[in-house]
PDB file of all heavy atoms in Angstrom:
ATOM      1  N   TYR A   1      14.406 -16.739  33.766  1.00  0.00           N
ATOM      2  CA  TYR A   1      12.941 -16.677  33.869  1.00  0.00           C
ATOM      3  C   TYR A   1      12.318 -17.299  35.108  1.00  0.00           C
ATOM      4  O   TYR A   1      11.273 -16.888  35.537  1.00  0.00           O
ATOM      5  CB  TYR A   1      12.325 -17.353  32.645  1.00  0.00           C
ATOM      6  CG  TYR A   1      12.970 -16.908  31.339  1.00  0.00           C
ATOM      7  CD1 TYR A   1      13.963 -17.662  30.695  1.00  0.00           C
ATOM      8  CD2 TYR A   1      12.460 -15.697  30.703  1.00  0.00           C
ATOM      9  CE1 TYR A   1      14.515 -17.194  29.542  1.00  0.00           C
ATOM     10  CE2 TYR A   1      13.069 -15.296  29.541  1.00  0.00           C
ATOM     11  CZ  TYR A   1      14.094 -16.048  28.948  1.00  0.00           C
ATOM     12  OH  TYR A   1      14.619 -15.586  27.767  1.00  0.00           O
ATOM     13  N   PHE A   2      13.012 -18.361  35.587  1.00  0.00           N
ATOM     14  CA  PHE A   2      12.423 -19.179  36.653  1.00  0.00           C
ATOM     15  C   PHE A   2      13.398 -19.399  37.804  1.00  0.00           C
ATOM     16  O   PHE A   2      14.611 -19.340  37.646  1.00  0.00           O
ATOM     17  CB  PHE A   2      12.088 -20.554  36.115  1.00  0.00           C
ATOM     18  CG  PHE A   2      11.118 -20.612  34.980  1.00  0.00           C
ATOM     19  CD1 PHE A   2      11.564 -20.761  33.678  1.00  0.00           C
ATOM     20  CD2 PHE A   2       9.751 -20.464  35.199  1.00  0.00           C
ATOM     21  CE1 PHE A   2      10.659 -20.793  32.597  1.00  0.00           C
ATOM     22  CE2 PHE A   2       8.858 -20.487  34.175  1.00  0.00           C
ATOM     23  CZ  PHE A   2       9.319 -20.643  32.828  1.00  0.00           C
ATOM     24  N   ALA A   3      12.796 -19.629  38.991  1.00  0.00           N
ATOM     25  CA  ALA A   3      13.568 -20.120  40.118  1.00  0.00           C
ATOM     26  C   ALA A   3      13.419 -21.645  40.080  1.00  0.00           C
ATOM     27  O   ALA A   3      12.532 -22.178  39.537  1.00  0.00           O
ATOM     28  CB  ALA A   3      12.971 -19.575  41.402  1.00  0.00           C
ATOM     29  N   PHE A   4      14.401 -22.287  40.739  1.00  0.00           N
ATOM     30  CA  PHE A   4      14.467 -23.773  40.708  1.00  0.00           C
ATOM     31  C   PHE A   4      13.824 -24.261  42.013  1.00  0.00           C
ATOM     32  O   PHE A   4      14.262 -23.919  43.095  1.00  0.00           O
ATOM     33  CB  PHE A   4      15.891 -24.186  40.624  1.00  0.00           C
ATOM     34  CG  PHE A   4      16.129 -25.675  40.675  1.00  0.00           C
ATOM     35  CD1 PHE A   4      15.768 -26.501  39.596  1.00  0.00           C
ATOM     36  CD2 PHE A   4      16.651 -26.272  41.796  1.00  0.00           C
ATOM     37  CE1 PHE A   4      16.003 -27.817  39.611  1.00  0.00           C
ATOM     38  CE2 PHE A   4      16.833 -27.611  41.835  1.00  0.00           C
ATOM     39  CZ  PHE A   4      16.541 -28.438  40.702  1.00  0.00           C
ATOM     40  N   ASP A   5      12.792 -25.109  41.931  1.00  0.00           N
ATOM     41  CA  ASP A   5      12.083 -25.607  43.120  1.00  0.00           C
ATOM     42  C   ASP A   5      12.602 -26.994  43.525  1.00  0.00           C
ATOM     43  O   ASP A   5      12.647 -27.365  44.660  1.00  0.00           O
ATOM     44  CB  ASP A   5      10.596 -25.649  42.898  1.00  0.00           C
ATOM     45  CG  ASP A   5       9.797 -25.828  44.116  1.00  0.00           C
ATOM     46  OD1 ASP A   5      10.309 -25.501  45.253  1.00  0.00           O
ATOM     47  OD2 ASP A   5       8.674 -26.366  44.043  1.00  0.00           O
ATOM     48  N   GLY A   6      12.946 -27.838  42.518  1.00  0.00           N
ATOM     49  CA  GLY A   6      13.431 -29.178  42.862  1.00  0.00           C
ATOM     50  C   GLY A   6      13.494 -30.056  41.662  1.00  0.00           C
ATOM     51  O   GLY A   6      13.088 -29.715  40.556  1.00  0.00           O
ATOM     52  N   ILE A   7      14.096 -31.244  41.870  1.00  0.00           N
ATOM     53  CA  ILE A   7      14.198 -32.248  40.759  1.00  0.00           C
ATOM     54  C   ILE A   7      13.911 -33.637  41.408  1.00  0.00           C
ATOM     55  O   ILE A   7      14.308 -33.896  42.514  1.00  0.00           O
ATOM     56  CB  ILE A   7      15.613 -32.170  40.147  1.00  0.00           C
ATOM     57  CG1 ILE A   7      15.679 -33.137  38.937  1.00  0.00           C
ATOM     58  CG2 ILE A   7      16.689 -32.504  41.140  1.00  0.00           C
ATOM     59  CD1 ILE A   7      16.892 -32.848  38.029  1.00  0.00           C
ATOM     60  N   SER A   8      13.249 -34.436  40.604  1.00  0.00           N
ATOM     61  CA  SER A   8      12.964 -35.800  41.065  1.00  0.00           C
ATOM     62  C   SER A   8      13.350 -36.731  39.886  1.00  0.00           C
ATOM     63  O   SER A   8      13.244 -36.345  38.745  1.00  0.00           O
ATOM     64  CB  SER A   8      11.545 -36.015  41.495  1.00  0.00           C
ATOM     65  OG  SER A   8      10.677 -35.781  40.366  1.00  0.00           O
ATOM     66  N   PHE A   9      13.818 -37.890  40.282  1.00  0.00           N
ATOM     67  CA  PHE A   9      14.168 -38.928  39.284  1.00  0.00           C
ATOM     68  C   PHE A   9      13.204 -40.082  39.399  1.00  0.00           C
ATOM     69  O   PHE A   9      12.828 -40.472  40.506  1.00  0.00           O
ATOM     70  CB  PHE A   9      15.651 -39.373  39.513  1.00  0.00           C
ATOM     71  CG  PHE A   9      16.631 -38.263  39.401  1.00  0.00           C
ATOM     72  CD1 PHE A   9      17.039 -37.537  40.458  1.00  0.00           C
ATOM     73  CD2 PHE A   9      17.126 -37.913  38.114  1.00  0.00           C
ATOM     74  CE1 PHE A   9      17.910 -36.528  40.329  1.00  0.00           C
ATOM     75  CE2 PHE A   9      18.046 -36.858  37.975  1.00  0.00           C
ATOM     76  CZ  PHE A   9      18.428 -36.204  39.091  1.00  0.00           C
ATOM     77  N   SER A  10      12.825 -40.630  38.248  1.00  0.00           N
ATOM     78  CA  SER A  10      11.869 -41.724  38.260  1.00  0.00           C
ATOM     79  C   SER A  10      12.089 -42.625  37.034  1.00  0.00           C
ATOM     80  O   SER A  10      12.837 -42.260  36.149  1.00  0.00           O
ATOM     81  CB  SER A  10      10.445 -41.191  38.288  1.00  0.00           C
ATOM     82  OG  SER A  10      10.192 -40.395  37.177  1.00  0.00           O
ATOM     83  N   LEU A  11      11.342 -43.709  37.023  1.00  0.00           N
ATOM     84  CA  LEU A  11      11.353 -44.611  35.945  1.00  0.00           C
ATOM     85  C   LEU A  11      10.154 -44.339  35.061  1.00  0.00           C
ATOM     86  O   LEU A  11       9.006 -44.241  35.570  1.00  0.00           O
ATOM     87  CB  LEU A  11      11.286 -46.077  36.454  1.00  0.00           C
ATOM     88  CG  LEU A  11      11.474 -47.180  35.476  1.00  0.00           C
ATOM     89  CD1 LEU A  11      12.891 -47.156  34.826  1.00  0.00           C
ATOM     90  CD2 LEU A  11      11.289 -48.538  36.165  1.00  0.00           C
ATOM     91  N   SER A  12      10.351 -44.169  33.774  1.00  0.00           N
ATOM     92  CA  SER A  12       9.250 -43.856  32.865  1.00  0.00           C
ATOM     93  C   SER A  12       8.280 -45.021  32.766  1.00  0.00           C
ATOM     94  O   SER A  12       8.689 -46.172  33.050  1.00  0.00           O
ATOM     95  CB  SER A  12       9.715 -43.488  31.465  1.00  0.00           C
ATOM     96  OG  SER A  12      10.364 -44.602  30.892  1.00  0.00           O
ATOM     97  N   GLN A  13       7.054 -44.825  32.386  1.00  0.00           N
ATOM     98  CA  GLN A  13       6.061 -45.855  32.239  1.00  0.00           C
ATOM     99  C   GLN A  13       6.561 -46.916  31.219  1.00  0.00           C
ATOM    100  O   GLN A  13       6.393 -48.069  31.397  1.00  0.00           O
ATOM    101  CB  GLN A  13       4.698 -45.302  31.849  1.00  0.00           C
ATOM    102  CG  GLN A  13       3.579 -46.304  31.783  1.00  0.00           C
ATOM    103  CD  GLN A  13       3.311 -46.934  33.117  1.00  0.00           C
ATOM    104  OE1 GLN A  13       3.499 -46.352  34.179  1.00  0.00           O
ATOM    105  NE2 GLN A  13       2.898 -48.178  33.126  1.00  0.00           N
ATOM    106  N   LYS A  14       7.127 -46.440  30.124  1.00  0.00           N
ATOM    107  CA  LYS A  14       7.609 -47.340  29.064  1.00  0.00           C
ATOM    108  C   LYS A  14       8.730 -48.258  29.601  1.00  0.00           C
ATOM    109  O   LYS A  14       8.683 -49.470  29.361  1.00  0.00           O
ATOM    110  CB  LYS A  14       8.107 -46.512  27.889  1.00  0.00           C
ATOM    111  CG  LYS A  14       8.574 -47.324  26.707  1.00  0.00           C
ATOM    112  CD  LYS A  14       9.019 -46.460  25.552  1.00  0.00           C
ATOM    113  CE  LYS A  14       9.519 -47.263  24.378  1.00  0.00           C
ATOM    114  NZ  LYS A  14      10.002 -46.414  23.304  1.00  0.00           N
ATOM    115  N   ALA A  15       9.659 -47.676  30.329  1.00  0.00           N
ATOM    116  CA  ALA A  15      10.765 -48.484  30.897  1.00  0.00           C
ATOM    117  C   ALA A  15      10.274 -49.442  31.939  1.00  0.00           C
ATOM    118  O   ALA A  15      10.661 -50.590  32.072  1.00  0.00           O
ATOM    119  CB  ALA A  15      11.844 -47.572  31.463  1.00  0.00           C
ATOM    120  N   ARG A  16       9.331 -48.968  32.751  1.00  0.00           N
ATOM    121  CA  ARG A  16       8.700 -49.830  33.837  1.00  0.00           C
ATOM    122  C   ARG A  16       8.049 -51.088  33.175  1.00  0.00           C
ATOM    123  O   ARG A  16       8.209 -52.189  33.634  1.00  0.00           O
ATOM    124  CB  ARG A  16       7.677 -49.016  34.647  1.00  0.00           C
ATOM    125  CG  ARG A  16       7.059 -49.815  35.777  1.00  0.00           C
ATOM    126  CD  ARG A  16       5.990 -48.986  36.481  1.00  0.00           C
ATOM    127  NE  ARG A  16       6.309 -47.593  36.655  1.00  0.00           N
ATOM    128  CZ  ARG A  16       6.962 -47.020  37.649  1.00  0.00           C
ATOM    129  NH1 ARG A  16       7.361 -47.800  38.679  1.00  0.00           N
ATOM    130  NH2 ARG A  16       7.206 -45.761  37.728  1.00  0.00           N
ATOM    131  N   GLN A  17       7.259 -50.840  32.149  1.00  0.00           N
ATOM    132  CA  GLN A  17       6.619 -51.963  31.458  1.00  0.00           C
ATOM    133  C   GLN A  17       7.581 -52.915  30.844  1.00  0.00           C
ATOM    134  O   GLN A  17       7.397 -54.127  30.988  1.00  0.00           O
ATOM    135  CB  GLN A  17       5.645 -51.363  30.372  1.00  0.00           C
ATOM    136  CG  GLN A  17       4.758 -52.485  29.760  1.00  0.00           C
ATOM    137  CD  GLN A  17       3.803 -53.073  30.750  1.00  0.00           C
ATOM    138  OE1 GLN A  17       3.285 -52.375  31.593  1.00  0.00           O
ATOM    139  NE2 GLN A  17       3.546 -54.348  30.622  1.00  0.00           N
ATOM    140  N   ALA A  18       8.655 -52.398  30.257  1.00  0.00           N
ATOM    141  CA  ALA A  18       9.644 -53.297  29.651  1.00  0.00           C
ATOM    142  C   ALA A  18      10.354 -54.132  30.724  1.00  0.00           C
ATOM    143  O   ALA A  18      10.590 -55.309  30.535  1.00  0.00           O
ATOM    144  CB  ALA A  18      10.714 -52.456  28.860  1.00  0.00           C
ATOM    145  N   VAL A  19      10.663 -53.562  31.852  1.00  0.00           N
ATOM    146  CA  VAL A  19      11.338 -54.300  32.926  1.00  0.00           C
ATOM    147  C   VAL A  19      10.369 -55.362  33.490  1.00  0.00           C
ATOM    148  O   VAL A  19      10.783 -56.480  33.741  1.00  0.00           O
ATOM    149  CB  VAL A  19      11.762 -53.301  34.049  1.00  0.00           C
ATOM    150  CG1 VAL A  19      12.176 -54.119  35.324  1.00  0.00           C
ATOM    151  CG2 VAL A  19      12.945 -52.460  33.569  1.00  0.00           C
ATOM    152  N   GLN A  20       9.123 -54.991  33.692  1.00  0.00           N
ATOM    153  CA  GLN A  20       8.146 -55.968  34.221  1.00  0.00           C
ATOM    154  C   GLN A  20       7.991 -57.139  33.237  1.00  0.00           C
ATOM    155  O   GLN A  20       7.959 -58.294  33.692  1.00  0.00           O
ATOM    156  CB  GLN A  20       6.804 -55.297  34.493  1.00  0.00           C
ATOM    157  CG  GLN A  20       6.821 -54.391  35.675  1.00  0.00           C
ATOM    158  CD  GLN A  20       5.481 -53.645  35.868  1.00  0.00           C
ATOM    159  OE1 GLN A  20       4.705 -53.513  34.996  1.00  0.00           O
ATOM    160  NE2 GLN A  20       5.310 -53.121  37.076  1.00  0.00           N
ATOM    161  N   THR A  21       7.873 -56.860  31.992  1.00  0.00           N
ATOM    162  CA  THR A  21       7.715 -57.937  30.984  1.00  0.00           C
ATOM    163  C   THR A  21       8.936 -58.787  31.017  1.00  0.00           C
ATOM    164  O   THR A  21       8.896 -60.055  30.946  1.00  0.00           O
ATOM    165  CB  THR A  21       7.516 -57.292  29.593  1.00  0.00           C
ATOM    166  OG1 THR A  21       6.318 -56.520  29.615  1.00  0.00           O
ATOM    167  CG2 THR A  21       7.373 -58.382  28.522  1.00  0.00           C
ATOM    168  N   SER A  22      10.122 -58.200  31.031  1.00  0.00           N
ATOM    169  CA  SER A  22      11.368 -58.950  31.070  1.00  0.00           C
ATOM    170  C   SER A  22      11.485 -59.835  32.265  1.00  0.00           C
ATOM    171  O   SER A  22      11.884 -61.021  32.182  1.00  0.00           O
ATOM    172  CB  SER A  22      12.521 -57.995  30.997  1.00  0.00           C
ATOM    173  OG  SER A  22      13.766 -58.689  31.206  1.00  0.00           O
ATOM    174  N   LEU A  23      11.098 -59.348  33.414  1.00  0.00           N
ATOM    175  CA  LEU A  23      11.201 -60.101  34.657  1.00  0.00           C
ATOM    176  C   LEU A  23      10.170 -61.253  34.668  1.00  0.00           C
ATOM    177  O   LEU A  23      10.488 -62.383  35.140  1.00  0.00           O
ATOM    178  CB  LEU A  23      10.904 -59.211  35.896  1.00  0.00           C
ATOM    179  CG  LEU A  23      12.036 -58.234  36.197  1.00  0.00           C
ATOM    180  CD1 LEU A  23      11.614 -57.264  37.300  1.00  0.00           C
ATOM    181  CD2 LEU A  23      13.300 -58.959  36.562  1.00  0.00           C
ATOM    182  N   ILE A  24       9.007 -61.057  34.138  1.00  0.00           N
ATOM    183  CA  ILE A  24       7.994 -62.107  34.027  1.00  0.00           C
ATOM    184  C   ILE A  24       8.513 -63.257  33.082  1.00  0.00           C
ATOM    185  O   ILE A  24       8.431 -64.404  33.432  1.00  0.00           O
ATOM    186  CB  ILE A  24       6.628 -61.584  33.624  1.00  0.00           C
ATOM    187  CG1 ILE A  24       6.031 -60.754  34.740  1.00  0.00           C
ATOM    188  CG2 ILE A  24       5.714 -62.731  33.193  1.00  0.00           C
ATOM    189  CD1 ILE A  24       4.786 -59.960  34.316  1.00  0.00           C
ATOM    190  N   ASP A  25       9.057 -62.830  31.954  1.00  0.00           N
ATOM    191  CA  ASP A  25       9.588 -63.846  30.988  1.00  0.00           C
ATOM    192  C   ASP A  25      10.708 -64.585  31.605  1.00  0.00           C
ATOM    193  O   ASP A  25      10.765 -65.805  31.511  1.00  0.00           O
ATOM    194  CB  ASP A  25      10.071 -63.084  29.754  1.00  0.00           C
ATOM    195  CG  ASP A  25       8.949 -62.505  28.875  1.00  0.00           C
ATOM    196  OD1 ASP A  25       7.808 -62.855  29.140  1.00  0.00           O
ATOM    197  OD2 ASP A  25       9.253 -61.686  28.008  1.00  0.00           O
TER     198      ASP A  25
END
């Protein structure tokens, strides 16, 4: 159905918040 244009990898908002909280603690 589709052609492939690209893929990107990132950190989800939930994981980002957990890491920030952990680092602050």
